[in-house]
Amino acid sequence: MLLGTLSVLRSNALNTGQKALRALGGTIAGSVIGAGLLHVFGHHGTSLWFLLPLAVLVAGIAPSAISFAAGQAAFTITLVILFNVGHDPNWHIALLRLQDIAIGCAVSVVVGLLFWPRGAAAAVDRALARAYTDSARYLAGAVKYAVGRCGPGPVPAGAPLDEGRQAAAAARRLDDAFRSYLAERGAKPVPLAEMTTLVTGIVGLRLAADAVLGLWRRDGEPDSETDRADARLVLTAIAGRVSGWYRALATGLTRHTPVPDPLPHSPSAEARLVDSLRQDLTDDRGQATATAVRIIWTADHLDAARRLQPSLAAAARPSGPHGATGLAPSPAD
């Protein structure tokens, strides 16, 4: 029964049902052929010994060379011959095999209906949303940690190590779901190129968060002398907008609501950040302070996360006229 369940269980109920029908058909055909072989060669043990390696060979190559149903038929014939070598012919072995396959197929169909009613595509949608939500939280936490080390102010926030671990775990779950999506047979509801773009976007977002966190964890003690309130406000505002966009993207992927437009480039925010750091960027010797350089790099990492948004928004929106192949509708819909 276990072999029957594993052989037909797939990542959605439809494919599982189709596999179950092929498995039952192949097993019935193999049972009939096996019973016929026993009727002809059953009393000649030597003949069964010669037939056994041939049956094993066919059972090994039939699934890939012919079809899944042919492989099930050949495996059934192999079992019938194997359990009758050296014994009186007993064609009930074929009935037991058929019974096991029928029970295993029933279990697989029930499992498919309960766990994967919409297939691997729905699982990828949920995993994408979770990964983007956790990665956006990780990025926001990394910037909050950076802001707390820019100058005097509130007690600096701790390093977002838990958020980083949660984002990494969500990325691993997404990888598993994406592998199932690739292995699932049949037409893909979302083009593979667009789905791949969304999956790899997680990597870019987490790399930005890792870069910000690593940049400020190497800083040692936080700077408690120079007041950089304006720079902190600019970084916090940029991080809030960027992470908020990714959370909105995650909502659109799960609820199929409109995906927000990508955030535009904001020269005014960059100019304000540079103005707030002008004294730090050029001292009496024409050199910039280490904290000011880190602030500029942090803003650049946030902008790198922003620059990912146009391709992600295009991949998440429908490519057809009615949104038939997209994960989420566009705002105009």
C-alpha atoms as a PDB file:
ATOM      1  CA  MET A   1       0.000   0.000   0.000  1.00  0.00           C
ATOM      2  CA  LEU A   2       2.842   2.381   0.842  1.00  0.00           C
ATOM      3  CA  LEU A   3       4.498   1.811  -2.540  1.00  0.00           C
ATOM      4  CA  GLY A   4       1.183   2.444  -4.246  1.00  0.00           C
ATOM      5  CA  THR A   5       0.696   5.699  -2.363  1.00  0.00           C
ATOM      6  CA  LEU A   6       4.186   7.015  -3.081  1.00  0.00           C
ATOM      7  CA  SER A   7       4.090   6.025  -6.733  1.00  0.00           C
ATOM      8  CA  VAL A   8       1.010   8.100  -7.579  1.00  0.00           C
ATOM      9  CA  LEU A   9       1.113  10.952  -5.039  1.00  0.00           C
ATOM     10  CA  ARG A  10       1.737  14.272  -6.772  1.00  0.00           C
ATOM     11  CA  SER A  11       1.649  17.928  -5.801  1.00  0.00           C
ATOM     12  CA  ASN A  12      -1.996  18.459  -6.744  1.00  0.00           C
ATOM     13  CA  ALA A  13      -5.212  16.493  -6.671  1.00  0.00           C
ATOM     14  CA  LEU A  14      -5.698  16.487 -10.459  1.00  0.00           C
ATOM     15  CA  ASN A  15      -2.294  15.022 -11.263  1.00  0.00           C
ATOM     16  CA  THR A  16      -2.651  12.533  -8.404  1.00  0.00           C
ATOM     17  CA  GLY A  17      -5.988  11.358  -9.786  1.00  0.00           C
ATOM     18  CA  GLN A  18      -4.540  10.975 -13.268  1.00  0.00           C
ATOM     19  CA  LYS A  19      -1.592   8.992 -11.922  1.00  0.00           C
ATOM     20  CA  ALA A  20      -3.962   6.819  -9.907  1.00  0.00           C
ATOM     21  CA  LEU A  21      -5.961   5.914 -13.014  1.00  0.00           C
ATOM     22  CA  ARG A  22      -2.792   5.048 -14.921  1.00  0.00           C
ATOM     23  CA  ALA A  23      -1.489   2.990 -12.011  1.00  0.00           C
ATOM     24  CA  LEU A  24      -4.740   1.029 -11.727  1.00  0.00           C
ATOM     25  CA  GLY A  25      -4.864   0.445 -15.466  1.00  0.00           C
ATOM     26  CA  GLY A  26      -1.262  -0.719 -15.599  1.00  0.00           C
ATOM     27  CA  THR A  27      -1.707  -2.964 -12.564  1.00  0.00           C
ATOM     28  CA  ILE A  28      -4.805  -4.606 -14.035  1.00  0.00           C
ATOM     29  CA  ALA A  29      -2.969  -5.250 -17.305  1.00  0.00           C
ATOM     30  CA  GLY A  30       0.047  -6.619 -15.433  1.00  0.00           C
ATOM     31  CA  SER A  31      -2.186  -8.862 -13.309  1.00  0.00           C
ATOM     32  CA  VAL A  32      -3.810 -10.356 -16.387  1.00  0.00           C
ATOM     33  CA  ILE A  33      -0.461 -10.916 -18.091  1.00  0.00           C
ATOM     34  CA  GLY A  34       1.059 -12.325 -14.905  1.00  0.00           C
ATOM     35  CA  ALA A  35      -1.832 -14.748 -14.421  1.00  0.00           C
ATOM     36  CA  GLY A  36      -1.411 -15.864 -18.029  1.00  0.00           C
ATOM     37  CA  LEU A  37       2.307 -16.486 -17.513  1.00  0.00           C
ATOM     38  CA  LEU A  38       1.576 -18.541 -14.407  1.00  0.00           C
ATOM     39  CA  HIS A  39      -0.969 -20.575 -16.346  1.00  0.00           C
ATOM     40  CA  VAL A  40       1.624 -21.340 -19.027  1.00  0.00           C
ATOM     41  CA  PHE A  41       4.874 -21.575 -17.042  1.00  0.00           C
ATOM     42  CA  GLY A  42       3.700 -21.931 -13.462  1.00  0.00           C
ATOM     43  CA  HIS A  43       4.565 -25.635 -13.171  1.00  0.00           C
ATOM     44  CA  HIS A  44       7.990 -25.112 -14.728  1.00  0.00           C
ATOM     45  CA  GLY A  45      10.117 -23.453 -12.084  1.00  0.00           C
ATOM     46  CA  THR A  46      13.128 -23.172 -14.363  1.00  0.00           C
ATOM     47  CA  SER A  47      11.150 -21.115 -16.845  1.00  0.00           C
ATOM     48  CA  LEU A  48      10.135 -18.647 -14.125  1.00  0.00           C
ATOM     49  CA  TRP A  49      13.784 -18.220 -13.126  1.00  0.00           C
ATOM     50  CA  PHE A  50      14.614 -17.236 -16.711  1.00  0.00           C
ATOM     51  CA  LEU A  51      11.616 -14.887 -16.909  1.00  0.00           C
ATOM     52  CA  LEU A  52      12.444 -13.102 -13.633  1.00  0.00           C
ATOM     53  CA  PRO A  53      15.533 -11.088 -14.775  1.00  0.00           C
ATOM     54  CA  LEU A  54      13.745 -10.155 -17.989  1.00  0.00           C
ATOM     55  CA  ALA A  55      10.752  -8.904 -15.993  1.00  0.00           C
ATOM     56  CA  VAL A  56      13.030  -6.903 -13.666  1.00  0.00           C
ATOM     57  CA  LEU A  57      14.769  -5.332 -16.673  1.00  0.00           C
ATOM     58  CA  VAL A  58      11.485  -4.303 -18.289  1.00  0.00           C
ATOM     59  CA  ALA A  59      10.137  -2.966 -14.981  1.00  0.00           C
ATOM     60  CA  GLY A  60      13.242  -0.799 -14.631  1.00  0.00           C
ATOM     61  CA  ILE A  61      13.174   0.812 -18.069  1.00  0.00           C
ATOM     62  CA  ALA A  62       9.455   0.818 -18.882  1.00  0.00           C
ATOM     63  CA  PRO A  63       8.442   3.929 -16.855  1.00  0.00           C
ATOM     64  CA  SER A  64      10.886   6.188 -18.705  1.00  0.00           C
ATOM     65  CA  ALA A  65      11.048   4.375 -22.037  1.00  0.00           C
ATOM     66  CA  ILE A  66       7.334   3.623 -22.471  1.00  0.00           C
ATOM     67  CA  SER A  67       4.964   5.079 -19.873  1.00  0.00           C
ATOM     68  CA  PHE A  68       4.099   5.122 -16.186  1.00  0.00           C
ATOM     69  CA  ALA A  69       1.262   2.623 -16.770  1.00  0.00           C
ATOM     70  CA  ALA A  70       3.644   0.255 -18.574  1.00  0.00           C
ATOM     71  CA  GLY A  71       6.033   0.474 -15.640  1.00  0.00           C
ATOM     72  CA  GLN A  72       3.252  -0.455 -13.196  1.00  0.00           C
ATOM     73  CA  ALA A  73       2.269  -3.403 -15.391  1.00  0.00           C
ATOM     74  CA  ALA A  74       5.879  -4.639 -15.607  1.00  0.00           C
ATOM     75  CA  PHE A  75       6.354  -4.249 -11.844  1.00  0.00           C
ATOM     76  CA  THR A  76       3.196  -6.273 -11.197  1.00  0.00           C
ATOM     77  CA  ILE A  77       4.433  -9.031 -13.507  1.00  0.00           C
ATOM     78  CA  THR A  78       7.773  -9.010 -11.675  1.00  0.00           C
ATOM     79  CA  LEU A  79       6.055  -9.459  -8.310  1.00  0.00           C
ATOM     80  CA  VAL A  80       3.866 -12.275  -9.621  1.00  0.00           C
ATOM     81  CA  ILE A  81       6.894 -14.163 -10.967  1.00  0.00           C
ATOM     82  CA  LEU A  82       9.071 -13.435  -7.916  1.00  0.00           C
ATOM     83  CA  PHE A  83       6.569 -14.763  -5.373  1.00  0.00           C
ATOM     84  CA  ASN A  84       5.826 -17.876  -7.409  1.00  0.00           C
ATOM     85  CA  VAL A  85       9.373 -19.024  -8.117  1.00  0.00           C
ATOM     86  CA  GLY A  86       9.800 -22.382  -6.398  1.00  0.00           C
ATOM     87  CA  HIS A  87       6.134 -22.568  -5.325  1.00  0.00           C
ATOM     88  CA  ASP A  88       2.900 -23.835  -6.730  1.00  0.00           C
ATOM     89  CA  PRO A  89       1.276 -21.285  -9.059  1.00  0.00           C
ATOM     90  CA  ASN A  90      -0.805 -18.798  -7.074  1.00  0.00           C
ATOM     91  CA  TRP A  91      -2.363 -16.030  -9.151  1.00  0.00           C
ATOM     92  CA  HIS A  92      -3.832 -14.462  -5.985  1.00  0.00           C
ATOM     93  CA  ILE A  93      -0.552 -12.534  -5.737  1.00  0.00           C
ATOM     94  CA  ALA A  94      -1.815 -10.427  -8.631  1.00  0.00           C
ATOM     95  CA  LEU A  95      -5.046  -9.713  -6.745  1.00  0.00           C
ATOM     96  CA  LEU A  96      -3.107  -8.641  -3.651  1.00  0.00           C
ATOM     97  CA  ARG A  97      -1.004  -6.290  -5.763  1.00  0.00           C
ATOM     98  CA  LEU A  98      -4.156  -4.838  -7.309  1.00  0.00           C
ATOM     99  CA  GLN A  99      -5.670  -4.388  -3.859  1.00  0.00           C
ATOM    100  CA  ASP A 100      -2.566  -2.591  -2.561  1.00  0.00           C
ATOM    101  CA  ILE A 101      -2.484  -0.267  -5.552  1.00  0.00           C
ATOM    102  CA  ALA A 102      -6.196   0.538  -5.214  1.00  0.00           C
ATOM    103  CA  ILE A 103      -5.848   1.402  -1.519  1.00  0.00           C
ATOM    104  CA  GLY A 104      -2.681   3.404  -2.136  1.00  0.00           C
ATOM    105  CA  CYS A 105      -4.324   5.362  -4.949  1.00  0.00           C
ATOM    106  CA  ALA A 106      -7.331   6.142  -2.759  1.00  0.00           C
ATOM    107  CA  VAL A 107      -5.044   7.398   0.004  1.00  0.00           C
ATOM    108  CA  SER A 108      -3.088   9.530  -2.483  1.00  0.00           C
ATOM    109  CA  VAL A 109      -6.213  11.138  -3.927  1.00  0.00           C
ATOM    110  CA  VAL A 110      -7.507  12.000  -0.441  1.00  0.00           C
ATOM    111  CA  VAL A 111      -4.120  13.452   0.548  1.00  0.00           C
ATOM    112  CA  GLY A 112      -3.973  15.454  -2.682  1.00  0.00           C
ATOM    113  CA  LEU A 113      -7.446  16.895  -2.093  1.00  0.00           C
ATOM    114  CA  LEU A 114      -6.631  17.839   1.501  1.00  0.00           C
ATOM    115  CA  PHE A 115      -3.141  19.283   1.105  1.00  0.00           C
ATOM    116  CA  TRP A 116      -2.769  20.359  -2.535  1.00  0.00           C
ATOM    117  CA  PRO A 117      -6.258  21.109  -3.910  1.00  0.00           C
ATOM    118  CA  ARG A 118      -4.827  23.822  -6.199  1.00  0.00           C
ATOM    119  CA  GLY A 119      -1.457  22.310  -6.867  1.00  0.00           C
ATOM    120  CA  ALA A 120       2.076  23.539  -6.373  1.00  0.00           C
ATOM    121  CA  ALA A 121       1.312  26.988  -7.822  1.00  0.00           C
ATOM    122  CA  ALA A 122      -0.807  27.901  -4.791  1.00  0.00           C
ATOM    123  CA  ALA A 123       1.922  26.653  -2.453  1.00  0.00           C
ATOM    124  CA  VAL A 124       4.476  28.824  -4.278  1.00  0.00           C
ATOM    125  CA  ASP A 125       2.177  31.862  -3.943  1.00  0.00           C
ATOM    126  CA  ARG A 126       1.976  31.386  -0.176  1.00  0.00           C
ATOM    127  CA  ALA A 127       5.694  30.710   0.157  1.00  0.00           C
ATOM    128  CA  LEU A 128       6.528  33.801  -1.930  1.00  0.00           C
ATOM    129  CA  ALA A 129       4.298  36.004   0.200  1.00  0.00           C
ATOM    130  CA  ARG A 130       5.787  34.673   3.425  1.00  0.00           C
ATOM    131  CA  ALA A 131       9.341  35.078   2.135  1.00  0.00           C
ATOM    132  CA  TYR A 132       8.765  38.661   0.977  1.00  0.00           C
ATOM    133  CA  THR A 133       7.050  39.576   4.249  1.00  0.00           C
ATOM    134  CA  ASP A 134       9.856  38.135   6.380  1.00  0.00           C
ATOM    135  CA  SER A 135      12.612  39.576   4.181  1.00  0.00           C
ATOM    136  CA  ALA A 136      10.999  43.041   4.246  1.00  0.00           C
ATOM    137  CA  ARG A 137      10.817  42.836   8.045  1.00  0.00           C
ATOM    138  CA  TYR A 138      14.474  41.818   8.103  1.00  0.00           C
ATOM    139  CA  LEU A 139      15.452  44.798   5.933  1.00  0.00           C
ATOM    140  CA  ALA A 140      13.464  47.207   8.099  1.00  0.00           C
ATOM    141  CA  GLY A 141      15.064  45.747  11.225  1.00  0.00           C
ATOM    142  CA  ALA A 142      18.545  46.089   9.755  1.00  0.00           C
ATOM    143  CA  VAL A 143      17.962  49.765   8.953  1.00  0.00           C
ATOM    144  CA  LYS A 144      16.486  50.362  12.402  1.00  0.00           C
ATOM    145  CA  TYR A 145      19.638  48.845  13.868  1.00  0.00           C
ATOM    146  CA  ALA A 146      21.749  51.119  11.647  1.00  0.00           C
ATOM    147  CA  VAL A 147      19.776  54.232  12.570  1.00  0.00           C
ATOM    148  CA  GLY A 148      20.328  53.536  16.251  1.00  0.00           C
ATOM    149  CA  ARG A 149      24.092  53.652  15.730  1.00  0.00           C
ATOM    150  CA  CYS A 150      24.248  56.885  13.736  1.00  0.00           C
ATOM    151  CA  GLY A 151      24.374  59.270  16.677  1.00  0.00           C
ATOM    152  CA  PRO A 152      22.881  60.214  20.037  1.00  0.00           C
ATOM    153  CA  GLY A 153      19.233  59.425  20.555  1.00  0.00           C
ATOM    154  CA  PRO A 154      17.064  56.560  21.746  1.00  0.00           C
ATOM    155  CA  VAL A 155      18.597  53.310  22.923  1.00  0.00           C
ATOM    156  CA  PRO A 156      19.947  51.538  19.804  1.00  0.00           C
ATOM    157  CA  ALA A 157      17.909  48.571  18.632  1.00  0.00           C
ATOM    158  CA  GLY A 158      19.498  45.149  18.792  1.00  0.00           C
ATOM    159  CA  ALA A 159      20.740  43.387  15.677  1.00  0.00           C
ATOM    160  CA  PRO A 160      17.807  41.716  13.870  1.00  0.00           C
ATOM    161  CA  LEU A 161      19.259  38.224  14.074  1.00  0.00           C
ATOM    162  CA  ASP A 162      15.896  36.537  14.657  1.00  0.00           C
ATOM    163  CA  GLU A 163      14.409  38.365  11.677  1.00  0.00           C
ATOM    164  CA  GLY A 164      17.341  37.185   9.576  1.00  0.00           C
ATOM    165  CA  ARG A 165      16.818  33.577  10.597  1.00  0.00           C
ATOM    166  CA  GLN A 166      13.097  33.801   9.870  1.00  0.00           C
ATOM    167  CA  ALA A 167      13.796  35.261   6.436  1.00  0.00           C
ATOM    168  CA  ALA A 168      16.310  32.503   5.695  1.00  0.00           C
ATOM    169  CA  ALA A 169      13.844  29.817   6.794  1.00  0.00           C
ATOM    170  CA  ALA A 170      11.109  31.327   4.611  1.00  0.00           C
ATOM    171  CA  ALA A 171      13.517  31.351   1.665  1.00  0.00           C
ATOM    172  CA  ARG A 172      14.266  27.645   2.194  1.00  0.00           C
ATOM    173  CA  ARG A 173      10.544  26.829   2.281  1.00  0.00           C
ATOM    174  CA  LEU A 174      10.106  28.822  -0.918  1.00  0.00           C
ATOM    175  CA  ASP A 175      12.919  26.825  -2.530  1.00  0.00           C
ATOM    176  CA  ASP A 176      11.138  23.563  -1.657  1.00  0.00           C
ATOM    177  CA  ALA A 177       7.811  24.851  -3.009  1.00  0.00           C
ATOM    178  CA  PHE A 178       9.469  26.085  -6.205  1.00  0.00           C
ATOM    179  CA  ARG A 179      11.084  22.693  -6.764  1.00  0.00           C
ATOM    180  CA  SER A 180       7.654  21.068  -6.475  1.00  0.00           C
ATOM    181  CA  TYR A 181       6.298  23.630  -8.926  1.00  0.00           C
ATOM    182  CA  LEU A 182       9.032  22.780 -11.436  1.00  0.00           C
ATOM    183  CA  ALA A 183       8.460  19.032 -11.014  1.00  0.00           C
ATOM    184  CA  GLU A 184       4.691  19.317 -11.424  1.00  0.00           C
ATOM    185  CA  ARG A 185       3.549  18.186 -14.824  1.00  0.00           C
ATOM    186  CA  GLY A 186       1.029  19.979 -16.947  1.00  0.00           C
ATOM    187  CA  ALA A 187       0.623  23.572 -18.060  1.00  0.00           C
ATOM    188  CA  LYS A 188       2.041  26.172 -15.670  1.00  0.00           C
ATOM    189  CA  PRO A 189      -0.479  28.875 -14.659  1.00  0.00           C
ATOM    190  CA  VAL A 190       2.390  31.388 -14.491  1.00  0.00           C
ATOM    191  CA  PRO A 191       5.210  31.487 -17.080  1.00  0.00           C
ATOM    192  CA  LEU A 192       8.401  30.013 -15.697  1.00  0.00           C
ATOM    193  CA  ALA A 193      10.439  33.156 -16.413  1.00  0.00           C
ATOM    194  CA  GLU A 194       8.089  35.330 -14.354  1.00  0.00           C
ATOM    195  CA  MET A 195       7.945  32.862 -11.481  1.00  0.00           C
ATOM    196  CA  THR A 196      11.738  32.623 -11.466  1.00  0.00           C
ATOM    197  CA  THR A 197      12.000  36.416 -11.330  1.00  0.00           C
ATOM    198  CA  LEU A 198       9.785  36.507  -8.249  1.00  0.00           C
ATOM    199  CA  VAL A 199      11.730  33.717  -6.546  1.00  0.00           C
ATOM    200  CA  THR A 200      15.134  35.294  -7.197  1.00  0.00           C
ATOM    201  CA  GLY A 201      13.828  38.659  -5.965  1.00  0.00           C
ATOM    202  CA  ILE A 202      13.890  37.207  -2.462  1.00  0.00           C
ATOM    203  CA  VAL A 203      17.631  36.717  -2.794  1.00  0.00           C
ATOM    204  CA  GLY A 204      18.188  40.356  -3.743  1.00  0.00           C
ATOM    205  CA  LEU A 205      16.061  41.633  -0.877  1.00  0.00           C
ATOM    206  CA  ARG A 206      17.823  39.470   1.699  1.00  0.00           C
ATOM    207  CA  LEU A 207      21.235  40.414   0.330  1.00  0.00           C
ATOM    208  CA  ALA A 208      20.376  44.083   0.818  1.00  0.00           C
ATOM    209  CA  ALA A 209      19.374  43.404   4.421  1.00  0.00           C
ATOM    210  CA  ASP A 210      22.503  41.298   5.011  1.00  0.00           C
ATOM    211  CA  ALA A 211      24.676  44.078   3.590  1.00  0.00           C
ATOM    212  CA  VAL A 212      23.153  46.737   5.861  1.00  0.00           C
ATOM    213  CA  LEU A 213      23.440  44.539   8.929  1.00  0.00           C
ATOM    214  CA  GLY A 214      27.027  43.535   8.170  1.00  0.00           C
ATOM    215  CA  LEU A 215      27.980  47.140   7.466  1.00  0.00           C
ATOM    216  CA  TRP A 216      26.922  48.342  10.919  1.00  0.00           C
ATOM    217  CA  ARG A 217      27.858  45.267  12.947  1.00  0.00           C
ATOM    218  CA  ARG A 218      31.476  45.882  11.941  1.00  0.00           C
ATOM    219  CA  ASP A 219      31.206  49.419  13.303  1.00  0.00           C
ATOM    220  CA  GLY A 220      31.973  48.505  16.913  1.00  0.00           C
ATOM    221  CA  GLU A 221      30.570  51.014  19.417  1.00  0.00           C
ATOM    222  CA  PRO A 222      27.748  53.285  18.181  1.00  0.00           C
ATOM    223  CA  ASP A 223      28.559  56.950  17.498  1.00  0.00           C
ATOM    224  CA  SER A 224      27.184  58.967  20.422  1.00  0.00           C
ATOM    225  CA  GLU A 225      28.762  62.359  19.698  1.00  0.00           C
ATOM    226  CA  THR A 226      27.511  63.799  16.390  1.00  0.00           C
ATOM    227  CA  ASP A 227      23.802  64.539  16.023  1.00  0.00           C
ATOM    228  CA  ARG A 228      22.519  63.144  12.723  1.00  0.00           C
ATOM    229  CA  ALA A 229      18.785  63.415  13.350  1.00  0.00           C
ATOM    230  CA  ASP A 230      17.978  64.478   9.769  1.00  0.00           C
ATOM    231  CA  ALA A 231      19.961  61.588   8.287  1.00  0.00           C
ATOM    232  CA  ARG A 232      18.220  59.148  10.606  1.00  0.00           C
ATOM    233  CA  LEU A 233      14.808  60.483   9.581  1.00  0.00           C
ATOM    234  CA  VAL A 234      15.655  60.132   5.886  1.00  0.00           C
ATOM    235  CA  LEU A 235      16.896  56.548   6.286  1.00  0.00           C
ATOM    236  CA  THR A 236      13.862  55.578   8.349  1.00  0.00           C
ATOM    237  CA  ALA A 237      11.491  57.070   5.783  1.00  0.00           C
ATOM    238  CA  ILE A 238      13.199  55.341   2.849  1.00  0.00           C
ATOM    239  CA  ALA A 239      13.283  51.994   4.658  1.00  0.00           C
ATOM    240  CA  GLY A 240       9.604  52.327   5.569  1.00  0.00           C
ATOM    241  CA  ARG A 241       8.589  52.982   1.970  1.00  0.00           C
ATOM    242  CA  VAL A 242      10.749  50.200   0.522  1.00  0.00           C
ATOM    243  CA  SER A 243       9.740  47.539   3.054  1.00  0.00           C
ATOM    244  CA  GLY A 244       6.105  48.653   2.842  1.00  0.00           C
ATOM    245  CA  TRP A 245       6.133  48.107  -0.914  1.00  0.00           C
ATOM    246  CA  TYR A 246       7.363  44.539  -0.473  1.00  0.00           C
ATOM    247  CA  ARG A 247       4.695  43.844   2.142  1.00  0.00           C
ATOM    248  CA  ALA A 248       2.088  45.122  -0.320  1.00  0.00           C
ATOM    249  CA  LEU A 249       3.566  42.835  -2.974  1.00  0.00           C
ATOM    250  CA  ALA A 250       3.218  39.879  -0.593  1.00  0.00           C
ATOM    251  CA  THR A 251      -0.425  40.778   0.026  1.00  0.00           C
ATOM    252  CA  GLY A 252      -1.069  40.948  -3.704  1.00  0.00           C
ATOM    253  CA  LEU A 253       0.469  37.507  -4.256  1.00  0.00           C
ATOM    254  CA  THR A 254      -1.737  35.769  -1.692  1.00  0.00           C
ATOM    255  CA  ARG A 255      -4.990  37.694  -2.058  1.00  0.00           C
ATOM    256  CA  HIS A 256      -4.626  38.430  -5.788  1.00  0.00           C
ATOM    257  CA  THR A 257      -5.099  42.128  -5.158  1.00  0.00           C
ATOM    258  CA  PRO A 258      -3.436  44.833  -7.268  1.00  0.00           C
ATOM    259  CA  VAL A 259       0.340  44.992  -7.028  1.00  0.00           C
ATOM    260  CA  PRO A 260       1.563  48.513  -6.207  1.00  0.00           C
ATOM    261  CA  ASP A 261       3.496  50.513  -8.749  1.00  0.00           C
ATOM    262  CA  PRO A 262       7.276  50.482  -8.217  1.00  0.00           C
ATOM    263  CA  LEU A 263       8.601  53.301  -6.082  1.00  0.00           C
ATOM    264  CA  PRO A 264      10.107  56.110  -8.184  1.00  0.00           C
ATOM    265  CA  HIS A 265      13.626  57.346  -7.736  1.00  0.00           C
ATOM    266  CA  SER A 266      13.663  60.200  -5.208  1.00  0.00           C
ATOM    267  CA  PRO A 267      16.491  62.691  -5.866  1.00  0.00           C
ATOM    268  CA  SER A 268      15.066  65.002  -3.194  1.00  0.00           C
ATOM    269  CA  ALA A 269      15.526  62.362  -0.478  1.00  0.00           C
ATOM    270  CA  GLU A 270      19.092  61.743  -1.630  1.00  0.00           C
ATOM    271  CA  ALA A 271      19.826  65.467  -1.660  1.00  0.00           C
ATOM    272  CA  ARG A 272      18.384  65.852   1.817  1.00  0.00           C
ATOM    273  CA  LEU A 273      20.528  62.959   3.064  1.00  0.00           C
ATOM    274  CA  VAL A 274      23.691  64.453   1.562  1.00  0.00           C
ATOM    275  CA  ASP A 275      22.866  67.888   2.980  1.00  0.00           C
ATOM    276  CA  SER A 276      22.392  66.423   6.451  1.00  0.00           C
ATOM    277  CA  LEU A 277      25.839  64.808   6.209  1.00  0.00           C
ATOM    278  CA  ARG A 278      27.702  67.591   4.461  1.00  0.00           C
ATOM    279  CA  GLN A 279      29.897  68.377   7.453  1.00  0.00           C
ATOM    280  CA  ASP A 280      30.627  64.674   7.990  1.00  0.00           C
ATOM    281  CA  LEU A 281      31.501  64.091   4.336  1.00  0.00           C
ATOM    282  CA  THR A 282      34.211  66.764   4.173  1.00  0.00           C
ATOM    283  CA  ASP A 283      36.193  67.630   7.278  1.00  0.00           C
ATOM    284  CA  ASP A 284      39.207  69.930   7.540  1.00  0.00           C
ATOM    285  CA  ARG A 285      41.335  67.331   5.776  1.00  0.00           C
ATOM    286  CA  GLY A 286      38.764  66.677   3.059  1.00  0.00           C
ATOM    287  CA  GLN A 287      37.883  63.228   4.425  1.00  0.00           C
ATOM    288  CA  ALA A 288      34.539  61.753   5.425  1.00  0.00           C
ATOM    289  CA  THR A 289      33.774  60.131   8.749  1.00  0.00           C
ATOM    290  CA  ALA A 290      33.230  56.373   8.853  1.00  0.00           C
ATOM    291  CA  THR A 291      29.660  56.789  10.118  1.00  0.00           C
ATOM    292  CA  ALA A 292      28.752  59.132   7.257  1.00  0.00           C
ATOM    293  CA  VAL A 293      30.126  56.657   4.725  1.00  0.00           C
ATOM    294  CA  ARG A 294      28.086  53.884   6.296  1.00  0.00           C
ATOM    295  CA  ILE A 295      24.947  56.016   6.110  1.00  0.00           C
ATOM    296  CA  ILE A 296      25.515  56.654   2.395  1.00  0.00           C
ATOM    297  CA  TRP A 297      26.111  52.943   1.784  1.00  0.00           C
ATOM    298  CA  THR A 298      22.953  52.073   3.727  1.00  0.00           C
ATOM    299  CA  ALA A 299      20.942  54.402   1.505  1.00  0.00           C
ATOM    300  CA  ASP A 300      22.534  52.769  -1.543  1.00  0.00           C
ATOM    301  CA  HIS A 301      21.546  49.277  -0.359  1.00  0.00           C
ATOM    302  CA  LEU A 302      17.987  50.492   0.139  1.00  0.00           C
ATOM    303  CA  ASP A 303      18.014  51.913  -3.373  1.00  0.00           C
ATOM    304  CA  ALA A 304      19.246  48.551  -4.682  1.00  0.00           C
ATOM    305  CA  ALA A 305      16.179  46.930  -3.092  1.00  0.00           C
ATOM    306  CA  ARG A 306      14.016  49.622  -4.715  1.00  0.00           C
ATOM    307  CA  ARG A 307      15.539  49.002  -8.146  1.00  0.00           C
ATOM    308  CA  LEU A 308      14.349  45.380  -7.989  1.00  0.00           C
ATOM    309  CA  GLN A 309      10.728  46.495  -7.870  1.00  0.00           C
ATOM    310  CA  PRO A 310       9.977  47.175 -11.573  1.00  0.00           C
ATOM    311  CA  SER A 311      10.898  43.649 -12.667  1.00  0.00           C
ATOM    312  CA  LEU A 312       9.052  42.099  -9.712  1.00  0.00           C
ATOM    313  CA  ALA A 313       5.927  44.145 -10.348  1.00  0.00           C
ATOM    314  CA  ALA A 314       5.978  43.179 -14.042  1.00  0.00           C
ATOM    315  CA  ALA A 315       6.355  39.500 -13.142  1.00  0.00           C
ATOM    316  CA  ALA A 316       3.553  39.581 -10.569  1.00  0.00           C
ATOM    317  CA  ARG A 317       1.070  41.278 -12.879  1.00  0.00           C
ATOM    318  CA  PRO A 318      -0.875  39.425 -15.605  1.00  0.00           C
ATOM    319  CA  SER A 319       0.683  38.988 -19.007  1.00  0.00           C
ATOM    320  CA  GLY A 320      -2.629  38.265 -20.690  1.00  0.00           C
ATOM    321  CA  PRO A 321      -5.492  40.679 -21.429  1.00  0.00           C
ATOM    322  CA  HIS A 322      -7.622  39.445 -18.535  1.00  0.00           C
ATOM    323  CA  GLY A 323      -4.979  38.462 -16.025  1.00  0.00           C
ATOM    324  CA  ALA A 324      -5.235  34.760 -16.861  1.00  0.00           C
ATOM    325  CA  THR A 325      -1.569  34.048 -16.432  1.00  0.00           C
ATOM    326  CA  GLY A 326      -0.515  36.465 -13.711  1.00  0.00           C
ATOM    327  CA  LEU A 327      -0.277  36.115  -9.963  1.00  0.00           C
ATOM    328  CA  ALA A 328      -1.991  39.397  -9.159  1.00  0.00           C
ATOM    329  CA  PRO A 329      -3.943  42.019 -11.095  1.00  0.00           C
ATOM    330  CA  SER A 330      -2.572  45.419 -11.949  1.00  0.00           C
ATOM    331  CA  PRO A 331      -3.938  48.538 -10.277  1.00  0.00           C
ATOM    332  CA  ALA A 332      -5.797  49.440 -13.477  1.00  0.00           C
ATOM    333  CA  ASP A 333      -7.791  46.201 -13.283  1.00  0.00           C
END
